[in-house]
Protein backbone atom coordinates (compact mmCIF):
# COMPACT_ATOMS: atom_id res chain seq x y z
CA MET A 1 -92.98 -148.83 -125.20
CA ASN A 2 -94.74 -145.76 -123.86
CA LEU A 3 -95.39 -142.97 -126.32
CA LEU A 4 -95.55 -139.27 -125.79
CA VAL A 5 -98.03 -137.08 -127.59
CA ALA A 6 -95.89 -134.92 -129.80
CA SER A 7 -95.78 -131.15 -129.77
CA GLN A 8 -92.66 -130.68 -131.87
CA PRO A 9 -92.27 -130.89 -135.63
CA PRO A 10 -91.18 -134.23 -137.03
CA GLY A 11 -87.66 -135.54 -137.20
CA ASP A 12 -86.11 -137.31 -140.13
CA SER A 13 -87.93 -140.62 -139.96
CA ILE A 14 -91.30 -142.03 -139.01
CA LEU A 15 -91.69 -145.57 -137.72
CA ILE A 16 -95.06 -147.25 -138.24
CA ARG A 17 -95.85 -150.05 -135.82
CA HIS A 18 -98.75 -151.98 -134.33
CA ALA A 19 -100.26 -150.52 -131.18
CA THR A 20 -100.03 -152.50 -127.97
CA GLU A 21 -102.26 -152.50 -124.93
CA ASP A 22 -99.76 -150.15 -123.27
CA ASP A 23 -100.55 -147.50 -125.92
CA ALA A 24 -104.26 -147.22 -125.02
CA ALA A 25 -104.09 -144.16 -122.76
CA VAL A 26 -101.90 -142.07 -125.07
CA LEU A 27 -104.00 -143.14 -128.06
CA ALA A 28 -107.18 -142.06 -126.27
CA GLU A 29 -105.69 -138.66 -125.45
CA PHE A 30 -104.29 -138.21 -128.95
CA GLY A 31 -107.55 -139.20 -130.65
CA ALA A 32 -109.67 -136.95 -128.43
CA ARG A 33 -107.33 -134.00 -128.88
CA THR A 34 -107.02 -134.29 -132.66
CA PHE A 35 -110.78 -134.86 -133.07
CA PHE A 36 -111.46 -131.79 -130.93
CA GLU A 37 -108.92 -129.63 -132.80
CA THR A 38 -110.42 -130.64 -136.14
CA PHE A 39 -114.15 -130.49 -135.40
CA ALA A 40 -114.87 -128.38 -132.28
CA LYS A 41 -115.35 -125.13 -134.19
CA ASP A 42 -118.18 -126.72 -136.21
CA ASN A 43 -120.00 -128.47 -133.35
CA LYS A 44 -121.78 -127.53 -130.14
CA PRO A 45 -119.61 -127.88 -127.01
CA GLU A 46 -122.05 -130.33 -125.40
CA ASP A 47 -122.05 -132.57 -128.49
CA MET A 48 -118.25 -132.54 -128.56
CA ARG A 49 -118.08 -133.41 -124.86
CA LEU A 50 -120.50 -136.33 -125.30
CA HIS A 51 -118.66 -137.66 -128.33
CA LEU A 52 -115.22 -137.41 -126.77
CA GLN A 53 -116.41 -139.21 -123.64
CA SER A 54 -117.99 -142.05 -125.61
CA ALA A 55 -115.38 -142.51 -128.34
CA TRP A 56 -112.03 -141.83 -126.70
CA ALA A 57 -111.90 -143.56 -123.32
CA PRO A 58 -108.68 -145.50 -122.63
CA ALA A 59 -110.72 -148.66 -121.93
CA LEU A 60 -112.33 -148.41 -125.39
CA GLN A 61 -108.96 -147.88 -127.08
CA ARG A 62 -107.54 -150.87 -125.18
CA ALA A 63 -110.49 -153.03 -126.30
CA GLU A 64 -110.01 -151.93 -129.93
CA ILE A 65 -106.27 -152.66 -129.79
CA LEU A 66 -107.01 -156.15 -128.45
CA ASP A 67 -109.84 -156.83 -130.95
CA GLU A 68 -108.58 -159.29 -133.58
CA ARG A 69 -110.82 -157.72 -136.24
CA ILE A 70 -109.11 -154.33 -135.82
CA VAL A 71 -105.54 -153.38 -136.74
CA THR A 72 -104.29 -150.25 -134.99
CA LEU A 73 -101.17 -148.71 -136.51
CA LEU A 74 -99.15 -145.91 -134.91
CA ALA A 75 -96.89 -143.49 -136.77
CA CYS A 76 -94.10 -142.54 -134.39
CA ASP A 77 -91.28 -140.01 -134.57
CA GLY A 78 -88.94 -141.37 -131.92
CA GLN A 79 -91.04 -141.57 -128.77
CA ALA A 80 -93.67 -139.13 -130.08
CA LEU A 81 -97.00 -140.13 -131.66
CA ALA A 82 -97.45 -138.37 -135.01
CA GLY A 83 -100.57 -140.19 -136.20
CA PHE A 84 -102.54 -143.42 -136.17
CA ALA A 85 -104.94 -145.47 -138.23
CA GLN A 86 -107.40 -148.27 -137.52
CA LEU A 87 -108.50 -150.90 -140.02
CA ARG A 88 -111.51 -153.16 -139.38
CA VAL A 89 -112.21 -156.08 -141.70
CA GLY A 90 -115.59 -157.54 -142.65
CA HIS A 91 -117.86 -154.59 -141.97
CA GLY A 92 -119.52 -152.20 -144.41
CA PRO A 93 -122.63 -150.11 -145.05
CA SER A 94 -125.13 -151.08 -147.74
CA CYS A 95 -123.34 -149.03 -150.43
CA VAL A 96 -120.20 -151.17 -149.95
CA THR A 97 -121.01 -154.38 -151.79
CA THR A 98 -117.68 -156.23 -151.78
CA THR A 99 -117.45 -159.64 -150.09
CA ASN A 100 -114.70 -158.85 -147.57
CA PRO A 101 -114.59 -155.07 -147.13
CA GLY A 102 -112.05 -153.28 -144.98
CA GLU A 103 -113.05 -150.14 -143.13
CA LEU A 104 -110.58 -147.38 -142.44
CA MET A 105 -112.25 -146.68 -139.07
CA ARG A 106 -109.95 -143.88 -138.01
CA PHE A 107 -107.11 -142.00 -139.66
CA TYR A 108 -105.53 -139.10 -137.77
CA VAL A 109 -102.29 -137.19 -138.27
CA ASP A 110 -101.25 -134.52 -135.80
CA ARG A 111 -100.95 -130.99 -137.19
CA PRO A 112 -97.13 -130.69 -136.97
CA TRP A 113 -96.87 -133.71 -139.29
CA GLN A 114 -99.56 -132.79 -141.82
CA GLY A 115 -98.19 -132.18 -145.31
CA ARG A 116 -94.93 -133.99 -144.51
CA GLY A 117 -95.64 -137.45 -145.94
CA VAL A 118 -96.75 -139.11 -142.70
CA ALA A 119 -100.32 -139.60 -143.93
CA HIS A 120 -99.16 -141.23 -147.19
CA ALA A 121 -96.77 -143.58 -145.36
CA LEU A 122 -99.46 -144.50 -142.83
CA MET A 123 -102.04 -145.10 -145.58
CA LYS A 124 -99.62 -147.36 -147.46
CA HIS A 125 -99.26 -149.49 -144.33
CA VAL A 126 -103.05 -149.64 -143.94
CA GLU A 127 -103.43 -150.74 -147.57
CA ASP A 128 -100.74 -153.41 -147.12
CA LYS A 129 -102.41 -154.73 -143.95
CA ALA A 130 -105.78 -154.78 -145.71
CA ARG A 131 -104.37 -156.80 -148.60
CA THR A 132 -102.81 -159.35 -146.23
CA ARG A 133 -106.27 -159.83 -144.70
CA GLY A 134 -107.89 -160.50 -148.07
CA VAL A 135 -109.51 -157.08 -148.48
CA HIS A 136 -110.18 -155.99 -152.07
CA GLU A 137 -111.91 -152.69 -151.28
CA LEU A 138 -111.09 -150.29 -148.49
CA TRP A 139 -113.88 -147.95 -147.42
CA LEU A 140 -114.25 -145.03 -145.04
CA GLY A 141 -116.70 -142.41 -143.86
CA VAL A 142 -115.55 -138.79 -143.98
CA TRP A 143 -117.60 -135.79 -142.89
CA GLU A 144 -119.17 -134.00 -145.85
CA ARG A 145 -117.64 -130.72 -144.62
CA ASN A 146 -114.08 -132.05 -144.21
CA GLU A 147 -112.72 -130.97 -147.60
CA ARG A 148 -109.06 -131.42 -146.68
CA ALA A 149 -109.53 -135.08 -145.75
CA GLN A 150 -111.67 -135.74 -148.83
CA ALA A 151 -108.95 -134.28 -151.07
CA PHE A 152 -106.33 -136.53 -149.45
CA TYR A 153 -108.50 -139.62 -149.87
CA ARG A 154 -109.18 -138.78 -153.54
CA LYS A 155 -105.40 -138.52 -154.09
CA ARG A 156 -105.12 -142.03 -152.63
CA GLY A 157 -107.69 -143.39 -155.11
CA PHE A 158 -110.87 -143.26 -153.04
CA CYS A 159 -114.16 -142.27 -154.69
CA LYS A 160 -117.55 -141.48 -153.21
CA VAL A 161 -120.13 -144.28 -153.38
CA GLY A 162 -122.76 -143.15 -150.88
CA THR A 163 -123.46 -141.52 -147.54
CA GLN A 164 -124.05 -142.57 -143.96
CA ILE A 165 -124.91 -140.86 -140.68
CA PHE A 166 -122.25 -140.27 -138.04
CA VAL A 167 -123.52 -138.95 -134.71
CA VAL A 168 -121.43 -136.43 -132.79
CA GLY A 169 -122.99 -136.24 -129.35
CA THR A 170 -126.65 -135.83 -130.26
CA ASP A 171 -126.07 -134.30 -133.72
CA PRO A 172 -126.54 -136.66 -136.69
CA GLN A 173 -124.11 -135.59 -139.44
CA THR A 174 -123.64 -136.80 -142.99
CA ASP A 175 -120.47 -138.64 -143.91
CA HIS A 176 -119.46 -139.43 -147.49
CA VAL A 177 -118.70 -143.11 -147.88
CA MET A 178 -115.63 -143.47 -150.09
CA ILE A 179 -114.08 -146.65 -151.51
CA GLN A 180 -110.65 -147.49 -152.83
CA LYS A 181 -110.05 -150.68 -154.82
CA LEU A 182 -106.86 -152.37 -153.69
């Protein structure tokens, strides 16, 4: 199933499904666009360009979709992509001390769908997938200046347990590490 990147507001229902290899190109475009829309105003153009090139290539998205340690979920409104999430099991920074942590690697919802319940539905699916893989704590890194995302994660039961560095291009930035007990 090929997906379109959506530009219209959502319809009545959202379907959440696993990504397939065929979704890699649209996922790369969607991820790069939503990352740029969210963070470009706060970063240097050269750092954004470097980050987008390294993090959002179709080949990388294809490899992540095919990686058995990563679950990639797509939130779709008909043929349009409204958001996506990636869960990786067994990886965590030093402030995450659980035995089998699950990382919410990426969590993006397109602007037309923000505030419409898509993020909550997508997060519920991530939590369910994490539980089926034996995860007891779900963790994520969120930029210290991304207040909107932090507020959403707090509503979902995440709390800050530390910090880590996330490099955008050549700019090391501080992410809050947040954990949610499942």
